[in-house]
Amino acid sequence: MAKPATGIWKSGSGFPEVTVRAVKEYTDAEGYFLAAVDIAGEPESLELDPEEWDIFVKANALMPA
């Protein structure tokens, strides 16, 4: 999977709603990105690569809304 799309992601398994506010790709660490997200209204920063994002999405049954 590619980097996350911005917007709201809803869970099919009861995980709180995730809003991806911004995604910044690192220039010195190819393939990694910093995602500014809100999980249940709490701001978080996630440093991930596409494989880790895919695991997060599948584990929490997230789908773009």
PDB file of N, CA and C in Angstrom:
ATOM      1  N   MET A   1       0.849  -1.178   0.000  1.00  0.00           N
ATOM      2  CA  MET A   1       0.000   0.000   0.000  1.00  0.00           C
ATOM      3  C   MET A   1       0.894   1.240   0.000  1.00  0.00           C
ATOM      4  N   ALA A   2       0.418   2.282  -0.583  1.00  0.00           N
ATOM      5  CA  ALA A   2       1.139   3.550  -0.619  1.00  0.00           C
ATOM      6  C   ALA A   2       0.940   4.298   0.686  1.00  0.00           C
ATOM      7  N   LYS A   3       1.437   5.511   0.731  1.00  0.00           N
ATOM      8  CA  LYS A   3       1.232   6.313   1.932  1.00  0.00           C
ATOM      9  C   LYS A   3      -0.259   6.569   2.129  1.00  0.00           C
ATOM     10  N   PRO A   4      -0.678   6.883   3.352  1.00  0.00           N
ATOM     11  CA  PRO A   4      -2.104   7.052   3.632  1.00  0.00           C
ATOM     12  C   PRO A   4      -2.699   8.279   2.946  1.00  0.00           C
ATOM     13  N   ALA A   5      -3.950   8.144   2.554  1.00  0.00           N
ATOM     14  CA  ALA A   5      -4.692   9.274   2.012  1.00  0.00           C
ATOM     15  C   ALA A   5      -5.169  10.139   3.174  1.00  0.00           C
ATOM     16  N   THR A   6      -5.179  11.445   2.965  1.00  0.00           N
ATOM     17  CA  THR A   6      -5.700  12.323   4.005  1.00  0.00           C
ATOM     18  C   THR A   6      -7.218  12.177   4.067  1.00  0.00           C
ATOM     19  N   GLY A   7      -7.751  12.479   5.213  1.00  0.00           N
ATOM     20  CA  GLY A   7      -9.193  12.383   5.419  1.00  0.00           C
ATOM     21  C   GLY A   7      -9.518  11.462   6.576  1.00  0.00           C
ATOM     22  N   ILE A   8     -10.780  11.096   6.658  1.00  0.00           N
ATOM     23  CA  ILE A   8     -11.281  10.286   7.763  1.00  0.00           C
ATOM     24  C   ILE A   8     -11.248   8.808   7.383  1.00  0.00           C
ATOM     25  N   TRP A   9     -10.748   7.991   8.320  1.00  0.00           N
ATOM     26  CA  TRP A   9     -10.732   6.538   8.173  1.00  0.00           C
ATOM     27  C   TRP A   9     -11.593   5.974   9.287  1.00  0.00           C
ATOM     28  N   LYS A  10     -12.554   5.153   8.923  1.00  0.00           N
ATOM     29  CA  LYS A  10     -13.454   4.555   9.915  1.00  0.00           C
ATOM     30  C   LYS A  10     -13.134   3.077  10.059  1.00  0.00           C
ATOM     31  N   SER A  11     -13.348   2.578  11.274  1.00  0.00           N
ATOM     32  CA  SER A  11     -13.047   1.190  11.599  1.00  0.00           C
ATOM     33  C   SER A  11     -14.296   0.325  11.544  1.00  0.00           C
ATOM     34  N   GLY A  12     -14.113  -0.896  11.072  1.00  0.00           N
ATOM     35  CA  GLY A  12     -15.188  -1.864  11.093  1.00  0.00           C
ATOM     36  C   GLY A  12     -15.137  -2.747  12.324  1.00  0.00           C
ATOM     37  N   SER A  13     -14.153  -2.480  13.214  1.00  0.00           N
ATOM     38  CA  SER A  13     -13.986  -3.343  14.388  1.00  0.00           C
ATOM     39  C   SER A  13     -14.088  -2.599  15.715  1.00  0.00           C
ATOM     40  N   GLY A  14     -14.576  -1.370  15.683  1.00  0.00           N
ATOM     41  CA  GLY A  14     -14.732  -0.626  16.931  1.00  0.00           C
ATOM     42  C   GLY A  14     -13.546   0.254  17.302  1.00  0.00           C
ATOM     43  N   PHE A  15     -12.457   0.242  16.498  1.00  0.00           N
ATOM     44  CA  PHE A  15     -11.327   1.134  16.738  1.00  0.00           C
ATOM     45  C   PHE A  15     -11.807   2.562  16.501  1.00  0.00           C
ATOM     46  N   PRO A  16     -11.317   3.527  17.275  1.00  0.00           N
ATOM     47  CA  PRO A  16     -11.762   4.918  17.089  1.00  0.00           C
ATOM     48  C   PRO A  16     -11.469   5.428  15.673  1.00  0.00           C
ATOM     49  N   GLU A  17     -12.243   6.411  15.271  1.00  0.00           N
ATOM     50  CA  GLU A  17     -12.049   7.060  13.979  1.00  0.00           C
ATOM     51  C   GLU A  17     -10.647   7.673  13.904  1.00  0.00           C
ATOM     52  N   VAL A  18     -10.010   7.554  12.751  1.00  0.00           N
ATOM     53  CA  VAL A  18      -8.682   8.116  12.526  1.00  0.00           C
ATOM     54  C   VAL A  18      -8.801   9.173  11.434  1.00  0.00           C
ATOM     55  N   THR A  19      -8.358  10.386  11.730  1.00  0.00           N
ATOM     56  CA  THR A  19      -8.327  11.448  10.731  1.00  0.00           C
ATOM     57  C   THR A  19      -6.871  11.717  10.375  1.00  0.00           C
ATOM     58  N   VAL A  20      -6.517  11.497   9.112  1.00  0.00           N
ATOM     59  CA  VAL A  20      -5.167  11.780   8.632  1.00  0.00           C
ATOM     60  C   VAL A  20      -5.171  13.224   8.147  1.00  0.00           C
ATOM     61  N   ARG A  21      -4.459  14.088   8.877  1.00  0.00           N
ATOM     62  CA  ARG A  21      -4.440  15.518   8.550  1.00  0.00           C
ATOM     63  C   ARG A  21      -3.387  15.859   7.520  1.00  0.00           C
ATOM     64  N   ALA A  22      -2.236  15.230   7.592  1.00  0.00           N
ATOM     65  CA  ALA A  22      -1.142  15.539   6.670  1.00  0.00           C
ATOM     66  C   ALA A  22      -0.173  14.367   6.629  1.00  0.00           C
ATOM     67  N   VAL A  23       0.501  14.240   5.491  1.00  0.00           N
ATOM     68  CA  VAL A  23       1.508  13.201   5.321  1.00  0.00           C
ATOM     69  C   VAL A  23       2.738  13.856   4.706  1.00  0.00           C
ATOM     70  N   LYS A  24       3.878  13.691   5.368  1.00  0.00           N
ATOM     71  CA  LYS A  24       5.134  14.258   4.872  1.00  0.00           C
ATOM     72  C   LYS A  24       6.118  13.122   4.639  1.00  0.00           C
ATOM     73  N   GLU A  25       6.594  13.014   3.415  1.00  0.00           N
ATOM     74  CA  GLU A  25       7.587  11.989   3.110  1.00  0.00           C
ATOM     75  C   GLU A  25       8.969  12.489   3.508  1.00  0.00           C
ATOM     76  N   TYR A  26       9.752  11.599   4.114  1.00  0.00           N
ATOM     77  CA  TYR A  26      11.124  11.949   4.478  1.00  0.00           C
ATOM     78  C   TYR A  26      12.005  11.907   3.238  1.00  0.00           C
ATOM     79  N   THR A  27      12.862  12.895   3.093  1.00  0.00           N
ATOM     80  CA  THR A  27      13.766  12.909   1.947  1.00  0.00           C
ATOM     81  C   THR A  27      15.034  12.111   2.234  1.00  0.00           C
ATOM     82  N   ASP A  28      15.404  11.979   3.499  1.00  0.00           N
ATOM     83  CA  ASP A  28      16.631  11.263   3.850  1.00  0.00           C
ATOM     84  C   ASP A  28      16.388   9.807   4.226  1.00  0.00           C
ATOM     85  N   ALA A  29      15.137   9.387   4.301  1.00  0.00           N
ATOM     86  CA  ALA A  29      14.797   7.998   4.621  1.00  0.00           C
ATOM     87  C   ALA A  29      13.730   7.556   3.623  1.00  0.00           C
ATOM     88  N   GLU A  30      14.178   7.163   2.465  1.00  0.00           N
ATOM     89  CA  GLU A  30      13.278   6.835   1.366  1.00  0.00           C
ATOM     90  C   GLU A  30      12.248   5.782   1.776  1.00  0.00           C
ATOM     91  N   GLY A  31      10.994   6.052   1.447  1.00  0.00           N
ATOM     92  CA  GLY A  31       9.926   5.118   1.744  1.00  0.00           C
ATOM     93  C   GLY A  31       9.218   5.374   3.063  1.00  0.00           C
ATOM     94  N   TYR A  32       9.820   6.145   3.942  1.00  0.00           N
ATOM     95  CA  TYR A  32       9.199   6.436   5.240  1.00  0.00           C
ATOM     96  C   TYR A  32       8.482   7.783   5.182  1.00  0.00           C
ATOM     97  N   PHE A  33       7.445   7.908   5.998  1.00  0.00           N
ATOM     98  CA  PHE A  33       6.710   9.161   6.050  1.00  0.00           C
ATOM     99  C   PHE A  33       6.248   9.421   7.469  1.00  0.00           C
ATOM    100  N   LEU A  34       5.919  10.671   7.721  1.00  0.00           N
ATOM    101  CA  LEU A  34       5.371  11.107   9.001  1.00  0.00           C
ATOM    102  C   LEU A  34       3.919  11.488   8.750  1.00  0.00           C
ATOM    103  N   ALA A  35       3.014  10.811   9.423  1.00  0.00           N
ATOM    104  CA  ALA A  35       1.589  11.098   9.275  1.00  0.00           C
ATOM    105  C   ALA A  35       1.099  11.818  10.524  1.00  0.00           C
ATOM    106  N   ALA A  36       0.508  12.991  10.323  1.00  0.00           N
ATOM    107  CA  ALA A  36      -0.131  13.725  11.413  1.00  0.00           C
ATOM    108  C   ALA A  36      -1.575  13.275  11.447  1.00  0.00           C
ATOM    109  N   VAL A  37      -1.954  12.599  12.518  1.00  0.00           N
ATOM    110  CA  VAL A  37      -3.295  12.018  12.611  1.00  0.00           C
ATOM    111  C   VAL A  37      -3.967  12.418  13.921  1.00  0.00           C
ATOM    112  N   ASP A  38      -5.274  12.280  13.940  1.00  0.00           N
ATOM    113  CA  ASP A  38      -6.053  12.377  15.166  1.00  0.00           C
ATOM    114  C   ASP A  38      -6.704  11.016  15.360  1.00  0.00           C
ATOM    115  N   ILE A  39      -6.484  10.403  16.518  1.00  0.00           N
ATOM    116  CA  ILE A  39      -7.115   9.136  16.853  1.00  0.00           C
ATOM    117  C   ILE A  39      -8.023   9.408  18.047  1.00  0.00           C
ATOM    118  N   ALA A  40      -9.308   9.249  17.831  1.00  0.00           N
ATOM    119  CA  ALA A  40     -10.313   9.566  18.854  1.00  0.00           C
ATOM    120  C   ALA A  40     -10.165  11.007  19.341  1.00  0.00           C
ATOM    121  N   GLY A  41      -9.831  11.921  18.419  1.00  0.00           N
ATOM    122  CA  GLY A  41      -9.712  13.330  18.747  1.00  0.00           C
ATOM    123  C   GLY A  41      -8.379  13.740  19.348  1.00  0.00           C
ATOM    124  N   GLU A  42      -7.482  12.785  19.572  1.00  0.00           N
ATOM    125  CA  GLU A  42      -6.163  13.083  20.145  1.00  0.00           C
ATOM    126  C   GLU A  42      -5.117  13.158  19.031  1.00  0.00           C
ATOM    127  N   PRO A  43      -4.369  14.263  18.932  1.00  0.00           N
ATOM    128  CA  PRO A  43      -3.350  14.371  17.887  1.00  0.00           C
ATOM    129  C   PRO A  43      -2.180  13.423  18.143  1.00  0.00           C
ATOM    130  N   GLU A  44      -1.736  12.772  17.089  1.00  0.00           N
ATOM    131  CA  GLU A  44      -0.609  11.838  17.142  1.00  0.00           C
ATOM    132  C   GLU A  44       0.250  12.043  15.909  1.00  0.00           C
ATOM    133  N   SER A  45       1.499  11.643  16.002  1.00  0.00           N
ATOM    134  CA  SER A  45       2.404  11.606  14.858  1.00  0.00           C
ATOM    135  C   SER A  45       2.883  10.171  14.702  1.00  0.00           C
ATOM    136  N   LEU A  46       2.685   9.618  13.513  1.00  0.00           N
ATOM    137  CA  LEU A  46       3.084   8.242  13.247  1.00  0.00           C
ATOM    138  C   LEU A  46       4.194   8.223  12.205  1.00  0.00           C
ATOM    139  N   GLU A  47       5.343   7.663  12.564  1.00  0.00           N
ATOM    140  CA  GLU A  47       6.438   7.464  11.615  1.00  0.00           C
ATOM    141  C   GLU A  47       6.330   6.037  11.097  1.00  0.00           C
ATOM    142  N   LEU A  48       6.046   5.910   9.815  1.00  0.00           N
ATOM    143  CA  LEU A  48       5.778   4.602   9.236  1.00  0.00           C
ATOM    144  C   LEU A  48       6.355   4.473   7.836  1.00  0.00           C
ATOM    145  N   ASP A  49       6.429   3.239   7.370  1.00  0.00           N
ATOM    146  CA  ASP A  49       6.651   2.992   5.953  1.00  0.00           C
ATOM    147  C   ASP A  49       5.336   2.417   5.424  1.00  0.00           C
ATOM    148  N   PRO A  50       5.175   2.266   4.118  1.00  0.00           N
ATOM    149  CA  PRO A  50       3.901   1.768   3.595  1.00  0.00           C
ATOM    150  C   PRO A  50       3.484   0.411   4.160  1.00  0.00           C
ATOM    151  N   GLU A  51       4.416  -0.483   4.409  1.00  0.00           N
ATOM    152  CA  GLU A  51       4.077  -1.796   4.964  1.00  0.00           C
ATOM    153  C   GLU A  51       3.509  -1.665   6.380  1.00  0.00           C
ATOM    154  N   GLU A  52       4.117  -0.800   7.194  1.00  0.00           N
ATOM    155  CA  GLU A  52       3.619  -0.588   8.562  1.00  0.00           C
ATOM    156  C   GLU A  52       2.227   0.052   8.551  1.00  0.00           C
ATOM    157  N   TRP A  53       1.999   0.993   7.627  1.00  0.00           N
ATOM    158  CA  TRP A  53       0.674   1.600   7.510  1.00  0.00           C
ATOM    159  C   TRP A  53      -0.345   0.530   7.127  1.00  0.00           C
ATOM    160  N   ASP A  54       0.009  -0.342   6.204  1.00  0.00           N
ATOM    161  CA  ASP A  54      -0.874  -1.420   5.778  1.00  0.00           C
ATOM    162  C   ASP A  54      -1.242  -2.325   6.963  1.00  0.00           C
ATOM    163  N   ILE A  55      -0.265  -2.650   7.802  1.00  0.00           N
ATOM    164  CA  ILE A  55      -0.507  -3.480   8.984  1.00  0.00           C
ATOM    165  C   ILE A  55      -1.453  -2.758   9.948  1.00  0.00           C
ATOM    166  N   PHE A  56      -1.235  -1.457  10.180  1.00  0.00           N
ATOM    167  CA  PHE A  56      -2.094  -0.655  11.057  1.00  0.00           C
ATOM    168  C   PHE A  56      -3.529  -0.641  10.550  1.00  0.00           C
ATOM    169  N   VAL A  57      -3.706  -0.435   9.233  1.00  0.00           N
ATOM    170  CA  VAL A  57      -5.028  -0.381   8.631  1.00  0.00           C
ATOM    171  C   VAL A  57      -5.733  -1.732   8.769  1.00  0.00           C
ATOM    172  N   LYS A  58      -5.033  -2.817   8.441  1.00  0.00           N
ATOM    173  CA  LYS A  58      -5.651  -4.139   8.515  1.00  0.00           C
ATOM    174  C   LYS A  58      -5.958  -4.547   9.949  1.00  0.00           C
ATOM    175  N   ALA A  59      -5.069  -4.266  10.878  1.00  0.00           N
ATOM    176  CA  ALA A  59      -5.264  -4.654  12.280  1.00  0.00           C
ATOM    177  C   ALA A  59      -6.469  -3.941  12.894  1.00  0.00           C
ATOM    178  N   ASN A  60      -6.753  -2.739  12.428  1.00  0.00           N
ATOM    179  CA  ASN A  60      -7.848  -1.956  12.992  1.00  0.00           C
ATOM    180  C   ASN A  60      -9.055  -1.867  12.062  1.00  0.00           C
ATOM    181  N   ALA A  61      -9.038  -2.649  10.974  1.00  0.00           N
ATOM    182  CA  ALA A  61     -10.139  -2.698  10.006  1.00  0.00           C
ATOM    183  C   ALA A  61     -10.541  -1.305   9.544  1.00  0.00           C
ATOM    184  N   LEU A  62      -9.560  -0.473   9.166  1.00  0.00           N
ATOM    185  CA  LEU A  62      -9.826   0.892   8.757  1.00  0.00           C
ATOM    186  C   LEU A  62     -10.098   0.974   7.259  1.00  0.00           C
ATOM    187  N   MET A  63     -11.035   1.843   6.908  1.00  0.00           N
ATOM    188  CA  MET A  63     -11.377   2.126   5.522  1.00  0.00           C
ATOM    189  C   MET A  63     -11.566   3.627   5.384  1.00  0.00           C
ATOM    190  N   PRO A  64     -11.112   4.232   4.260  1.00  0.00           N
ATOM    191  CA  PRO A  64     -11.384   5.657   4.066  1.00  0.00           C
ATOM    192  C   PRO A  64     -12.889   5.896   4.028  1.00  0.00           C
ATOM    193  N   ALA A  65     -13.315   6.972   4.671  1.00  0.00           N
ATOM    194  CA  ALA A  65     -14.758   7.286   4.716  1.00  0.00           C
ATOM    195  C   ALA A  65     -15.166   8.084   3.498  1.00  0.00           C
TER     196      ALA A  65
END
